[in-house]
Amino acid sequence: MSRFIWLHEDCLRATHPVFAHAPQARAVFIWDDAYMDAMHYGLKRRVFIYETLCDLPVEIYAGDTIDTWRALQNMAGASDIITGKTPNPALKAIMQTLREGLQITTIADAPFVHLDAAKDDAGQLRRFFKYWNKAKKNAFLYDGRP
């Protein structure tokens, strides 16, 4: 059985920790038009994703995400998928469905910014504008040193 890295839009960079976690794994991106339509991705976002993929060591498959992973499981022996952690409910639902037959490991990325108070009155920062108002104070303080 084989290990695979599933790149989705929340982990599209060569320095994402999924690559270090499974350096010998085959990286896969599934171009799922139905998913992108449901997420309301326009042409510019799709072009950005495609151009990003062109710079990565990744195999690109087209089709339904779940069906494609099932086919990879049958044809290529996919048994273990390593992917980036995501806040996206649609991707989480796909991951949950795939867990019925595949081992899914999610790897967290380093946060873009560390917030002192990451939650608002309702329990989370639900809108980007609220998040950005809290994050912008620290977002550009990073100087590249660990």
Protein backbone atom coordinates (compact mmCIF):
# COMPACT_ATOMS: atom_id res chain seq x y z
CA MET A 1 0.00 0.00 0.00
CA SER A 2 1.16 3.52 -0.78
CA ARG A 3 1.27 6.87 0.94
CA PHE A 4 -0.05 9.92 -0.84
CA ILE A 5 -0.05 13.63 -0.11
CA TRP A 6 -3.36 15.28 -0.92
CA LEU A 7 -2.79 18.90 -1.79
CA HIS A 8 -5.88 21.04 -1.57
CA GLU A 9 -6.19 24.80 -1.78
CA ASP A 10 -5.23 25.27 1.89
CA CYS A 11 -1.79 23.67 1.49
CA LEU A 12 -0.57 24.75 -1.93
CA ARG A 13 3.08 25.52 -1.33
CA ALA A 14 6.27 23.53 -1.56
CA THR A 15 7.24 24.39 2.02
CA HIS A 16 4.02 23.11 3.59
CA PRO A 17 4.80 20.63 6.41
CA VAL A 18 3.00 17.78 4.59
CA PHE A 19 6.04 17.40 2.33
CA ALA A 20 8.41 17.06 5.29
CA HIS A 21 6.03 14.63 7.01
CA ALA A 22 5.99 12.27 4.02
CA PRO A 23 8.96 13.08 1.75
CA GLN A 24 8.62 9.87 -0.32
CA ALA A 25 4.85 10.13 -0.83
CA ARG A 26 3.25 10.94 -4.18
CA ALA A 27 1.62 14.38 -4.10
CA VAL A 28 -1.82 14.59 -5.71
CA PHE A 29 -4.20 17.46 -6.44
CA ILE A 30 -7.70 16.63 -7.63
CA TRP A 31 -9.21 19.21 -9.93
CA ASP A 32 -12.87 18.85 -8.96
CA ASP A 33 -15.00 21.27 -11.00
CA ALA A 34 -18.17 20.44 -9.04
CA TYR A 35 -16.39 21.24 -5.76
CA MET A 36 -14.97 24.47 -7.19
CA ASP A 37 -18.41 25.44 -8.49
CA ALA A 38 -19.94 24.76 -5.07
CA MET A 39 -17.23 26.92 -3.47
CA HIS A 40 -17.99 29.66 -6.04
CA TYR A 41 -14.41 29.76 -7.32
CA GLY A 42 -14.19 32.10 -10.27
CA LEU A 43 -11.83 31.96 -13.22
CA LYS A 44 -9.13 34.07 -11.53
CA ARG A 45 -9.01 31.81 -8.48
CA ARG A 46 -8.88 28.69 -10.64
CA VAL A 47 -6.05 30.15 -12.71
CA PHE A 48 -4.19 31.03 -9.51
CA ILE A 49 -4.59 27.46 -8.22
CA TYR A 50 -3.46 26.01 -11.55
CA GLU A 51 -0.42 28.28 -11.80
CA THR A 52 0.52 27.39 -8.23
CA LEU A 53 0.23 23.68 -9.05
CA CYS A 54 2.55 24.13 -12.04
CA ASP A 55 5.33 25.08 -9.61
CA LEU A 56 4.80 22.07 -7.32
CA PRO A 57 5.85 18.42 -7.54
CA VAL A 58 2.28 17.19 -7.89
CA GLU A 59 0.18 14.91 -10.07
CA ILE A 60 -3.09 16.54 -11.12
CA TYR A 61 -6.20 14.42 -11.60
CA ALA A 62 -9.59 15.67 -12.79
CA GLY A 63 -12.86 14.40 -11.39
CA ASP A 64 -14.91 14.07 -8.25
CA THR A 65 -12.56 14.14 -5.26
CA ILE A 66 -14.02 11.12 -3.46
CA ASP A 67 -14.37 9.03 -6.62
CA THR A 68 -10.81 9.86 -7.67
CA TRP A 69 -9.38 8.87 -4.29
CA ARG A 70 -11.35 5.61 -4.43
CA ALA A 71 -9.91 4.93 -7.89
CA LEU A 72 -6.39 5.71 -6.65
CA GLN A 73 -7.02 3.36 -3.75
CA ASN A 74 -7.95 0.56 -6.16
CA MET A 75 -5.43 1.22 -8.93
CA ALA A 76 -2.38 2.56 -7.08
CA GLY A 77 -2.87 1.00 -3.67
CA ALA A 78 -3.51 4.28 -1.87
CA SER A 79 -4.03 3.50 1.80
CA ASP A 80 -2.57 6.44 3.67
CA ILE A 81 -3.28 10.07 2.78
CA ILE A 82 -1.41 12.93 4.38
CA THR A 83 -2.99 16.33 3.88
CA GLY A 84 -3.03 19.82 5.30
CA LYS A 85 -5.34 20.74 8.11
CA THR A 86 -8.10 23.05 6.95
CA PRO A 87 -10.92 25.13 8.45
CA ASN A 88 -12.97 24.52 5.27
CA PRO A 89 -16.15 22.57 6.19
CA ALA A 90 -16.51 21.14 2.67
CA LEU A 91 -12.98 19.71 2.71
CA LYS A 92 -13.52 18.38 6.23
CA ALA A 93 -16.66 16.59 5.02
CA ILE A 94 -14.73 15.04 2.12
CA MET A 95 -12.01 13.92 4.54
CA GLN A 96 -14.60 12.36 6.83
CA THR A 97 -16.09 10.40 3.94
CA LEU A 98 -12.65 9.24 2.81
CA ARG A 99 -11.89 7.97 6.32
CA GLU A 100 -14.27 5.10 5.50
CA GLY A 101 -11.50 3.01 3.96
CA LEU A 102 -8.47 5.27 3.95
CA GLN A 103 -6.18 6.50 6.70
CA ILE A 104 -6.23 10.32 6.64
CA THR A 105 -3.61 12.28 8.56
CA THR A 106 -3.92 16.06 8.71
CA ILE A 107 -0.83 18.17 9.28
CA ALA A 108 -1.21 21.68 10.67
CA ASP A 109 0.62 24.54 9.04
CA ALA A 110 2.35 27.35 10.90
CA PRO A 111 -0.21 30.08 11.50
CA PHE A 112 -0.05 33.19 9.38
CA VAL A 113 -0.16 35.29 12.52
CA HIS A 114 -0.40 34.63 16.25
CA LEU A 115 -3.35 36.44 17.81
CA ASP A 116 -3.60 37.26 21.51
CA ALA A 117 -7.36 36.92 21.42
CA ALA A 118 -8.31 34.65 18.52
CA LYS A 119 -11.99 34.60 19.41
CA ASP A 120 -14.63 37.27 19.34
CA ASP A 121 -17.80 37.51 21.43
CA ALA A 122 -19.54 34.78 19.44
CA GLY A 123 -16.66 32.37 20.01
CA GLN A 124 -14.81 32.74 16.74
CA LEU A 125 -13.76 35.26 14.16
CA ARG A 126 -16.48 34.58 11.63
CA ARG A 127 -15.76 37.32 9.15
CA PHE A 128 -12.47 38.09 7.46
CA PHE A 129 -12.71 41.80 8.30
CA LYS A 130 -12.89 41.04 12.04
CA TYR A 131 -9.98 38.63 11.72
CA TRP A 132 -7.90 41.09 9.71
CA ASN A 133 -8.50 43.92 12.18
CA LYS A 134 -7.00 41.71 14.87
CA ALA A 135 -4.29 40.12 12.70
CA LYS A 136 -2.92 43.14 10.84
CA LYS A 137 -1.22 44.43 13.99
CA ASN A 138 1.07 41.38 13.98
CA ALA A 139 0.95 40.15 10.38
CA PHE A 140 3.89 42.13 9.08
CA LEU A 141 6.12 41.85 12.15
CA TYR A 142 7.63 38.52 11.07
CA ASP A 143 11.21 39.08 9.94
CA GLY A 144 11.92 35.61 8.54
CA ARG A 145 13.81 34.28 11.56
CA PRO A 146 12.50 31.20 13.40
